Amino acid sequence: PKFRREVCEQFLSRSDIQQGRRVKALSKGVV
C-alpha cells in the first residue's frame, strides 16, 4: 500500500535498467 511507482521509475530512469528485461538477464550489481 505504500509503494510509490513514480519514485521507483524516477530512480530507474537514471540507471541502465530496461523494464522489459528479465531479472536473470541482469548482472548482480544491476539487480
Full PDB file with SEQRES, HELIX, SHEET, SSBOND, CRYST1, ORIGX, SCALE, CONECT and MASTER records, all heavy atoms in Angstrom:
SEQRES   1 A   31  PRO LYS PHE ARG ARG GLU VAL CYS GLU GLN PHE LEU SER          
SEQRES   2 A   31  ARG SER ASP ILE GLN GLN GLY ARG ARG VAL LYS ALA LEU          
SEQRES   3 A   31  SER LYS GLY VAL VAL                                          
HELIX    1 AA1 ARG A    5  SER A   13  1                                   9    
HELIX    2 AA2 VAL A   23  ALA A   25  5                                   3    
CRYST1    1.000    1.000    1.000  90.00  90.00  90.00 P 1           1          
ORIGX1      1.000000  0.000000  0.000000        0.00000                         
ORIGX2      0.000000  1.000000  0.000000        0.00000                         
ORIGX3      0.000000  0.000000  1.000000        0.00000                         
SCALE1      1.000000  0.000000  0.000000        0.00000                         
SCALE2      0.000000  1.000000  0.000000        0.00000                         
SCALE3      0.000000  0.000000  1.000000        0.00000                         
ATOM      1  N   PRO A   1       0.799  -1.235   0.000  1.00  0.00           N  
ATOM      2  CA  PRO A   1       0.000   0.000   0.000  1.00  0.00           C  
ATOM      3  C   PRO A   1       0.827   1.277   0.000  1.00  0.00           C  
ATOM      4  O   PRO A   1       0.304   2.346  -0.351  1.00  0.00           O  
ATOM      5  CB  PRO A   1      -0.819  -0.125   1.296  1.00  0.00           C  
ATOM      6  CG  PRO A   1      -0.037  -1.049   2.177  1.00  0.00           C  
ATOM      7  CD  PRO A   1       0.611  -2.022   1.237  1.00  0.00           C  
ATOM      8  N   LYS A   2       2.101   1.208   0.398  1.00  0.00           N  
ATOM      9  CA  LYS A   2       2.903   2.420   0.487  1.00  0.00           C  
ATOM     10  C   LYS A   2       3.955   2.513  -0.618  1.00  0.00           C  
ATOM     11  O   LYS A   2       4.884   3.298  -0.526  1.00  0.00           O  
ATOM     12  CB  LYS A   2       3.573   2.509   1.860  1.00  0.00           C  
ATOM     13  CG  LYS A   2       2.558   2.668   2.989  1.00  0.00           C  
ATOM     14  CD  LYS A   2       3.225   2.980   4.312  1.00  0.00           C  
ATOM     15  CE  LYS A   2       2.175   3.239   5.391  1.00  0.00           C  
ATOM     16  NZ  LYS A   2       2.788   3.590   6.693  1.00  0.00           N  
ATOM     17  N   PHE A   3       3.787   1.717  -1.673  1.00  0.00           N  
ATOM     18  CA  PHE A   3       4.717   1.776  -2.799  1.00  0.00           C  
ATOM     19  C   PHE A   3       4.372   2.959  -3.681  1.00  0.00           C  
ATOM     20  O   PHE A   3       3.208   3.177  -4.041  1.00  0.00           O  
ATOM     21  CB  PHE A   3       4.643   0.490  -3.619  1.00  0.00           C  
ATOM     22  CG  PHE A   3       5.586   0.460  -4.798  1.00  0.00           C  
ATOM     23  CD1 PHE A   3       6.933   0.265  -4.616  1.00  0.00           C  
ATOM     24  CD2 PHE A   3       5.102   0.634  -6.096  1.00  0.00           C  
ATOM     25  CE1 PHE A   3       7.807   0.240  -5.698  1.00  0.00           C  
ATOM     26  CE2 PHE A   3       5.959   0.605  -7.183  1.00  0.00           C  
ATOM     27  CZ  PHE A   3       7.318   0.405  -6.980  1.00  0.00           C  
ATOM     28  N   ARG A   4       5.403   3.756  -4.033  1.00  0.00           N  
ATOM     29  CA  ARG A   4       5.210   4.935  -4.874  1.00  0.00           C  
ATOM     30  C   ARG A   4       5.888   4.665  -6.226  1.00  0.00           C  
ATOM     31  O   ARG A   4       7.108   4.797  -6.348  1.00  0.00           O  
ATOM     32  CB  ARG A   4       5.799   6.165  -4.195  1.00  0.00           C  
ATOM     33  CG  ARG A   4       5.164   6.488  -2.834  1.00  0.00           C  
ATOM     34  CD  ARG A   4       6.020   7.448  -2.034  1.00  0.00           C  
ATOM     35  NE  ARG A   4       7.306   6.852  -1.681  1.00  0.00           N  
ATOM     36  CZ  ARG A   4       8.298   7.527  -1.094  1.00  0.00           C  
ATOM     37  NH1 ARG A   4       8.146   8.802  -0.809  1.00  0.00           N  
ATOM     38  NH2 ARG A   4       9.447   6.923  -0.803  1.00  0.00           N  
ATOM     39  N   ARG A   5       5.083   4.302  -7.219  1.00  0.00           N  
ATOM     40  CA  ARG A   5       5.613   3.914  -8.520  1.00  0.00           C  
ATOM     41  C   ARG A   5       6.457   5.018  -9.134  1.00  0.00           C  
ATOM     42  O   ARG A   5       7.508   4.748  -9.731  1.00  0.00           O  
ATOM     43  CB  ARG A   5       4.453   3.543  -9.455  1.00  0.00           C  
ATOM     44  CG  ARG A   5       4.935   3.140 -10.861  1.00  0.00           C  
ATOM     45  CD  ARG A   5       3.762   2.972 -11.796  1.00  0.00           C  
ATOM     46  NE  ARG A   5       3.021   1.773 -11.490  1.00  0.00           N  
ATOM     47  CZ  ARG A   5       3.244   0.586 -12.041  1.00  0.00           C  
ATOM     48  NH1 ARG A   5       4.238   0.450 -12.915  1.00  0.00           N  
ATOM     49  NH2 ARG A   5       2.511  -0.446 -11.730  1.00  0.00           N  
ATOM     50  N   GLU A   6       6.027   6.274  -8.980  1.00  0.00           N  
ATOM     51  CA  GLU A   6       6.742   7.359  -9.628  1.00  0.00           C  
ATOM     52  C   GLU A   6       8.159   7.498  -9.069  1.00  0.00           C  
ATOM     53  O   GLU A   6       9.093   7.842  -9.806  1.00  0.00           O  
ATOM     54  CB  GLU A   6       5.976   8.679  -9.470  1.00  0.00           C  
ATOM     55  CG  GLU A   6       5.893   9.240  -8.063  1.00  0.00           C  
ATOM     56  CD  GLU A   6       4.817   8.585  -7.198  1.00  0.00           C  
ATOM     57  OE1 GLU A   6       4.189   7.615  -7.659  1.00  0.00           O  
ATOM     58  OE2 GLU A   6       4.632   9.063  -6.064  1.00  0.00           O  
ATOM     59  N   VAL A   7       8.345   7.221  -7.783  1.00  0.00           N  
ATOM     60  CA  VAL A   7       9.672   7.292  -7.183  1.00  0.00           C  
ATOM     61  C   VAL A   7      10.564   6.186  -7.744  1.00  0.00           C  
ATOM     62  O   VAL A   7      11.725   6.412  -8.087  1.00  0.00           O  
ATOM     63  CB  VAL A   7       9.582   7.188  -5.647  1.00  0.00           C  
ATOM     64  CG1 VAL A   7      10.977   7.115  -5.030  1.00  0.00           C  
ATOM     65  CG2 VAL A   7       8.819   8.370  -5.080  1.00  0.00           C  
ATOM     66  N   CYS A   8      10.016   4.992  -7.851  1.00  0.00           N  
ATOM     67  CA  CYS A   8      10.763   3.861  -8.403  1.00  0.00           C  
ATOM     68  C   CYS A   8      11.176   4.133  -9.845  1.00  0.00           C  
ATOM     69  O   CYS A   8      12.344   3.943 -10.215  1.00  0.00           O  
ATOM     70  CB  CYS A   8       9.916   2.591  -8.305  1.00  0.00           C  
ATOM     71  SG  CYS A   8      10.721   1.120  -8.984  1.00  0.00           S  
ATOM     72  N   GLU A   9      10.238   4.580 -10.661  1.00  0.00           N  
ATOM     73  CA  GLU A   9      10.541   4.792 -12.071  1.00  0.00           C  
ATOM     74  C   GLU A   9      11.485   5.970 -12.276  1.00  0.00           C  
ATOM     75  O   GLU A   9      12.294   5.965 -13.207  1.00  0.00           O  
ATOM     76  CB  GLU A   9       9.241   4.978 -12.843  1.00  0.00           C  
ATOM     77  CG  GLU A   9       8.392   3.698 -12.864  1.00  0.00           C  
ATOM     78  CD  GLU A   9       7.194   3.790 -13.780  1.00  0.00           C  
ATOM     79  OE1 GLU A   9       6.807   4.928 -14.129  1.00  0.00           O  
ATOM     80  OE2 GLU A   9       6.642   2.727 -14.133  1.00  0.00           O  
ATOM     81  N   GLN A  10      11.421   6.962 -11.396  1.00  0.00           N  
ATOM     82  CA  GLN A  10      12.366   8.077 -11.485  1.00  0.00           C  
ATOM     83  C   GLN A  10      13.787   7.591 -11.224  1.00  0.00           C  
ATOM     84  O   GLN A  10      14.730   7.996 -11.919  1.00  0.00           O  
ATOM     85  CB  GLN A  10      11.979   9.159 -10.478  1.00  0.00           C  
ATOM     86  CG  GLN A  10      12.879  10.382 -10.522  1.00  0.00           C  
ATOM     87  CD  GLN A  10      12.488  11.430  -9.497  1.00  0.00           C  
ATOM     88  OE1 GLN A  10      11.807  11.147  -8.535  1.00  0.00           O  
ATOM     89  NE2 GLN A  10      12.911  12.654  -9.712  1.00  0.00           N  
ATOM     90  N   PHE A  11      13.939   6.715 -10.217  1.00  0.00           N  
ATOM     91  CA  PHE A  11      15.255   6.166  -9.917  1.00  0.00           C  
ATOM     92  C   PHE A  11      15.757   5.306 -11.080  1.00  0.00           C  
ATOM     93  O   PHE A  11      16.918   5.420 -11.496  1.00  0.00           O  
ATOM     94  CB  PHE A  11      15.199   5.339  -8.643  1.00  0.00           C  
ATOM     95  CG  PHE A  11      16.517   4.721  -8.252  1.00  0.00           C  
ATOM     96  CD1 PHE A  11      17.470   5.469  -7.578  1.00  0.00           C  
ATOM     97  CD2 PHE A  11      16.822   3.411  -8.576  1.00  0.00           C  
ATOM     98  CE1 PHE A  11      18.690   4.918  -7.220  1.00  0.00           C  
ATOM     99  CE2 PHE A  11      18.036   2.846  -8.231  1.00  0.00           C  
ATOM    100  CZ  PHE A  11      18.978   3.602  -7.556  1.00  0.00           C  
ATOM    101  N   LEU A  12      14.899   4.445 -11.624  1.00  0.00           N  
ATOM    102  CA  LEU A  12      15.299   3.566 -12.722  1.00  0.00           C  
ATOM    103  C   LEU A  12      15.651   4.350 -13.976  1.00  0.00           C  
ATOM    104  O   LEU A  12      16.501   3.915 -14.763  1.00  0.00           O  
ATOM    105  CB  LEU A  12      14.178   2.575 -13.028  1.00  0.00           C  
ATOM    106  CG  LEU A  12      13.880   1.524 -11.941  1.00  0.00           C  
ATOM    107  CD1 LEU A  12      12.735   0.625 -12.370  1.00  0.00           C  
ATOM    108  CD2 LEU A  12      15.116   0.697 -11.633  1.00  0.00           C  
ATOM    109  N   SER A  13      15.021   5.508 -14.159  1.00  0.00           N  
ATOM    110  CA  SER A  13      15.304   6.311 -15.352  1.00  0.00           C  
ATOM    111  C   SER A  13      16.735   6.837 -15.353  1.00  0.00           C  
ATOM    112  O   SER A  13      17.267   7.180 -16.408  1.00  0.00           O  
ATOM    113  CB  SER A  13      14.321   7.485 -15.442  1.00  0.00           C  
ATOM    114  OG  SER A  13      14.564   8.439 -14.411  1.00  0.00           O  
ATOM    115  N   ARG A  14      17.356   6.886 -14.185  1.00  0.00           N  
ATOM    116  CA  ARG A  14      18.745   7.357 -14.096  1.00  0.00           C  
ATOM    117  C   ARG A  14      19.741   6.205 -14.165  1.00  0.00           C  
ATOM    118  O   ARG A  14      20.939   6.406 -14.011  1.00  0.00           O  
ATOM    119  CB  ARG A  14      18.946   8.141 -12.796  1.00  0.00           C  
ATOM    120  CG  ARG A  14      18.014   9.313 -12.628  1.00  0.00           C  
ATOM    121  CD  ARG A  14      18.516  10.272 -11.552  1.00  0.00           C  
ATOM    122  NE  ARG A  14      18.644   9.633 -10.263  1.00  0.00           N  
ATOM    123  CZ  ARG A  14      17.668   9.575  -9.357  1.00  0.00           C  
ATOM    124  NH1 ARG A  14      16.481  10.110  -9.636  1.00  0.00           N  
ATOM    125  NH2 ARG A  14      17.858   8.993  -8.196  1.00  0.00           N  
ATOM    126  N   SER A  15      19.238   4.996 -14.379  1.00  0.00           N  
ATOM    127  CA  SER A  15      20.091   3.816 -14.473  1.00  0.00           C  
ATOM    128  C   SER A  15      20.014   3.233 -15.875  1.00  0.00           C  
ATOM    129  O   SER A  15      19.342   3.775 -16.757  1.00  0.00           O  
ATOM    130  CB  SER A  15      19.649   2.767 -13.446  1.00  0.00           C  
ATOM    131  OG  SER A  15      18.420   2.180 -13.841  1.00  0.00           O  
ATOM    132  N   ASP A  16      20.710   2.110 -16.073  1.00  0.00           N  
ATOM    133  CA  ASP A  16      20.672   1.428 -17.370  1.00  0.00           C  
ATOM    134  C   ASP A  16      19.672   0.272 -17.365  1.00  0.00           C  
ATOM    135  O   ASP A  16      19.692  -0.571 -18.270  1.00  0.00           O  
ATOM    136  CB  ASP A  16      22.074   0.894 -17.712  1.00  0.00           C  
ATOM    137  CG  ASP A  16      23.092   2.013 -17.889  1.00  0.00           C  
ATOM    138  OD1 ASP A  16      22.703   3.091 -18.374  1.00  0.00           O  
ATOM    139  OD2 ASP A  16      24.263   1.806 -17.528  1.00  0.00           O  
ATOM    140  N   ILE A  17      18.807   0.212 -16.379  1.00  0.00           N  
ATOM    141  CA  ILE A  17      17.871  -0.905 -16.246  1.00  0.00           C  
ATOM    142  C   ILE A  17      16.725  -0.744 -17.234  1.00  0.00           C  
ATOM    143  O   ILE A  17      16.007   0.266 -17.225  1.00  0.00           O  
ATOM    144  CB  ILE A  17      17.331  -0.991 -14.806  1.00  0.00           C  
ATOM    145  CG1 ILE A  17      18.481  -1.181 -13.822  1.00  0.00           C  
ATOM    146  CG2 ILE A  17      16.314  -2.128 -14.681  1.00  0.00           C  
ATOM    147  CD1 ILE A  17      18.064  -1.131 -12.373  1.00  0.00           C  
ATOM    148  N   GLN A  18      16.537  -1.729 -18.082  1.00  0.00           N  
ATOM    149  CA  GLN A  18      15.440  -1.739 -19.044  1.00  0.00           C  
ATOM    150  C   GLN A  18      14.279  -2.549 -18.478  1.00  0.00           C  
ATOM    151  O   GLN A  18      14.451  -3.701 -18.081  1.00  0.00           O  
ATOM    152  CB  GLN A  18      15.912  -2.345 -20.367  1.00  0.00           C  
ATOM    153  CG  GLN A  18      17.060  -1.580 -21.013  1.00  0.00           C  
ATOM    154  CD  GLN A  18      17.604  -2.287 -22.241  1.00  0.00           C  
ATOM    155  OE1 GLN A  18      16.998  -3.227 -22.753  1.00  0.00           O  
ATOM    156  NE2 GLN A  18      18.767  -1.840 -22.716  1.00  0.00           N  
ATOM    157  N   GLN A  19      13.107  -1.961 -18.429  1.00  0.00           N  
ATOM    158  CA  GLN A  19      11.975  -2.593 -17.765  1.00  0.00           C  
ATOM    159  C   GLN A  19      11.466  -3.839 -18.478  1.00  0.00           C  
ATOM    160  O   GLN A  19      10.747  -4.642 -17.891  1.00  0.00           O  
ATOM    161  CB  GLN A  19      10.839  -1.589 -17.586  1.00  0.00           C  
ATOM    162  CG  GLN A  19      11.194  -0.452 -16.650  1.00  0.00           C  
ATOM    163  CD  GLN A  19       9.978   0.348 -16.216  1.00  0.00           C  
ATOM    164  OE1 GLN A  19       8.853  -0.129 -16.258  1.00  0.00           O  
ATOM    165  NE2 GLN A  19      10.209   1.586 -15.785  1.00  0.00           N  
ATOM    166  N   GLY A  20      11.846  -4.028 -19.717  1.00  0.00           N  
ATOM    167  CA  GLY A  20      11.394  -5.217 -20.438  1.00  0.00           C  
ATOM    168  C   GLY A  20      12.271  -6.443 -20.192  1.00  0.00           C  
ATOM    169  O   GLY A  20      11.909  -7.553 -20.601  1.00  0.00           O  
ATOM    170  N   ARG A  21      13.413  -6.284 -19.537  1.00  0.00           N  
ATOM    171  CA  ARG A  21      14.340  -7.402 -19.331  1.00  0.00           C  
ATOM    172  C   ARG A  21      13.933  -8.223 -18.115  1.00  0.00           C  
ATOM    173  O   ARG A  21      13.319  -7.730 -17.166  1.00  0.00           O  
ATOM    174  CB  ARG A  21      15.763  -6.882 -19.161  1.00  0.00           C  
ATOM    175  CG  ARG A  21      16.259  -6.049 -20.334  1.00  0.00           C  
ATOM    176  CD  ARG A  21      17.736  -5.821 -20.250  1.00  0.00           C  
ATOM    177  NE  ARG A  21      18.495  -7.047 -20.502  1.00  0.00           N  
ATOM    178  CZ  ARG A  21      19.813  -7.153 -20.385  1.00  0.00           C  
ATOM    179  NH1 ARG A  21      20.505  -6.102 -19.957  1.00  0.00           N  
ATOM    180  NH2 ARG A  21      20.427  -8.276 -20.643  1.00  0.00           N  
ATOM    181  N   ARG A  22      14.323  -9.503 -18.168  1.00  0.00           N  
ATOM    182  CA  ARG A  22      14.093 -10.374 -17.024  1.00  0.00           C  
ATOM    183  C   ARG A  22      15.219 -10.213 -16.012  1.00  0.00           C  
ATOM    184  O   ARG A  22      16.347  -9.870 -16.370  1.00  0.00           O  
ATOM    185  CB  ARG A  22      14.001 -11.840 -17.474  1.00  0.00           C  
ATOM    186  CG  ARG A  22      12.838 -12.140 -18.410  1.00  0.00           C  
ATOM    187  CD  ARG A  22      12.739 -13.638 -18.707  1.00  0.00           C  
ATOM    188  NE  ARG A  22      11.749 -13.901 -19.743  1.00  0.00           N  
ATOM    189  CZ  ARG A  22      10.445 -14.053 -19.521  1.00  0.00           C  
ATOM    190  NH1 ARG A  22       9.979 -13.967 -18.272  1.00  0.00           N  
ATOM    191  NH2 ARG A  22       9.614 -14.290 -20.516  1.00  0.00           N  
ATOM    192  N   VAL A  23      14.914 -10.491 -14.752  1.00  0.00           N  
ATOM    193  CA  VAL A  23      15.906 -10.367 -13.690  1.00  0.00           C  
ATOM    194  C   VAL A  23      17.115 -11.239 -13.976  1.00  0.00           C  
ATOM    195  O   VAL A  23      18.260 -10.839 -13.736  1.00  0.00           O  
ATOM    196  CB  VAL A  23      15.281 -10.716 -12.324  1.00  0.00           C  
ATOM    197  CG1 VAL A  23      16.341 -10.826 -11.242  1.00  0.00           C  
ATOM    198  CG2 VAL A  23      14.251  -9.659 -11.932  1.00  0.00           C  
ATOM    199  N   LYS A  24      16.897 -12.434 -14.519  1.00  0.00           N  
ATOM    200  CA  LYS A  24      18.002 -13.359 -14.763  1.00  0.00           C  
ATOM    201  C   LYS A  24      18.988 -12.840 -15.801  1.00  0.00           C  
ATOM    202  O   LYS A  24      20.124 -13.314 -15.875  1.00  0.00           O  
ATOM    203  CB  LYS A  24      17.473 -14.725 -15.184  1.00  0.00           C  
ATOM    204  CG  LYS A  24      16.761 -14.749 -16.534  1.00  0.00           C  
ATOM    205  CD  LYS A  24      16.262 -16.147 -16.850  1.00  0.00           C  
ATOM    206  CE  LYS A  24      15.533 -16.202 -18.190  1.00  0.00           C  
ATOM    207  NZ  LYS A  24      15.017 -17.573 -18.467  1.00  0.00           N  
ATOM    208  N   ALA A  25      18.578 -11.837 -16.600  1.00  0.00           N  
ATOM    209  CA  ALA A  25      19.464 -11.277 -17.619  1.00  0.00           C  
ATOM    210  C   ALA A  25      20.296 -10.119 -17.078  1.00  0.00           C  
ATOM    211  O   ALA A  25      21.145  -9.583 -17.794  1.00  0.00           O  
ATOM    212  CB  ALA A  25      18.641 -10.818 -18.816  1.00  0.00           C  
ATOM    213  N   LEU A  26      20.069  -9.747 -15.825  1.00  0.00           N  
ATOM    214  CA  LEU A  26      20.764  -8.607 -15.242  1.00  0.00           C  
ATOM    215  C   LEU A  26      21.961  -9.076 -14.431  1.00  0.00           C  
ATOM    216  O   LEU A  26      21.939 -10.144 -13.834  1.00  0.00           O  
ATOM    217  CB  LEU A  26      19.814  -7.816 -14.342  1.00  0.00           C  
ATOM    218  CG  LEU A  26      18.493  -7.348 -14.960  1.00  0.00           C  
ATOM    219  CD1 LEU A  26      17.646  -6.641 -13.910  1.00  0.00           C  
ATOM    220  CD2 LEU A  26      18.746  -6.444 -16.154  1.00  0.00           C  
ATOM    221  N   SER A  27      22.992  -8.252 -14.379  1.00  0.00           N  
ATOM    222  CA  SER A  27      24.150  -8.559 -13.545  1.00  0.00           C  
ATOM    223  C   SER A  27      23.775  -8.403 -12.074  1.00  0.00           C  
ATOM    224  O   SER A  27      22.768  -7.771 -11.726  1.00  0.00           O  
ATOM    225  CB  SER A  27      25.314  -7.632 -13.882  1.00  0.00           C  
ATOM    226  OG  SER A  27      25.013  -6.304 -13.474  1.00  0.00           O  
ATOM    227  N   LYS A  28      24.620  -8.932 -11.204  1.00  0.00           N  
ATOM    228  CA  LYS A  28      24.350  -8.840  -9.773  1.00  0.00           C  
ATOM    229  C   LYS A  28      24.268  -7.389  -9.313  1.00  0.00           C  
ATOM    230  O   LYS A  28      23.407  -7.019  -8.517  1.00  0.00           O  
ATOM    231  CB  LYS A  28      25.437  -9.579  -8.982  1.00  0.00           C  
ATOM    232  CG  LYS A  28      25.151  -9.699  -7.488  1.00  0.00           C  
ATOM    233  CD  LYS A  28      26.221 -10.530  -6.806  1.00  0.00           C  
ATOM    234  CE  LYS A  28      25.950 -10.662  -5.308  1.00  0.00           C  
ATOM    235  NZ  LYS A  28      24.750 -11.429  -5.000  1.00  0.00           N  
ATOM    236  N   GLY A  29      25.146  -6.552  -9.821  1.00  0.00           N  
ATOM    237  CA  GLY A  29      25.122  -5.151  -9.445  1.00  0.00           C  
ATOM    238  C   GLY A  29      23.855  -4.447  -9.891  1.00  0.00           C  
ATOM    239  O   GLY A  29      23.288  -3.631  -9.160  1.00  0.00           O  
ATOM    240  N   VAL A  30      23.378  -4.755 -11.094  1.00  0.00           N  
ATOM    241  CA  VAL A  30      22.162  -4.137 -11.611  1.00  0.00           C  
ATOM    242  C   VAL A  30      20.945  -4.629 -10.837  1.00  0.00           C  
ATOM    243  O   VAL A  30      20.017  -3.861 -10.561  1.00  0.00           O  
ATOM    244  CB  VAL A  30      22.016  -4.413 -13.125  1.00  0.00           C  
ATOM    245  CG1 VAL A  30      20.672  -3.918 -13.636  1.00  0.00           C  
ATOM    246  CG2 VAL A  30      23.148  -3.748 -13.887  1.00  0.00           C  
ATOM    247  N   VAL A  31      20.942  -5.906 -10.468  1.00  0.00           N  
ATOM    248  CA  VAL A  31      19.839  -6.430  -9.657  1.00  0.00           C  
ATOM    249  C   VAL A  31      19.792  -5.708  -8.311  1.00  0.00           C  
ATOM    250  O   VAL A  31      18.721  -5.400  -7.784  1.00  0.00           O  
ATOM    251  CB  VAL A  31      19.979  -7.953  -9.465  1.00  0.00           C  
ATOM    252  CG1 VAL A  31      18.928  -8.466  -8.474  1.00  0.00           C  
ATOM    253  CG2 VAL A  31      19.818  -8.673 -10.797  1.00  0.00           C  
TER     254      VAL A  31                                                      
MASTER        0    0    0    2    0    0    0    6  253    1    0    3          
END                                                                             
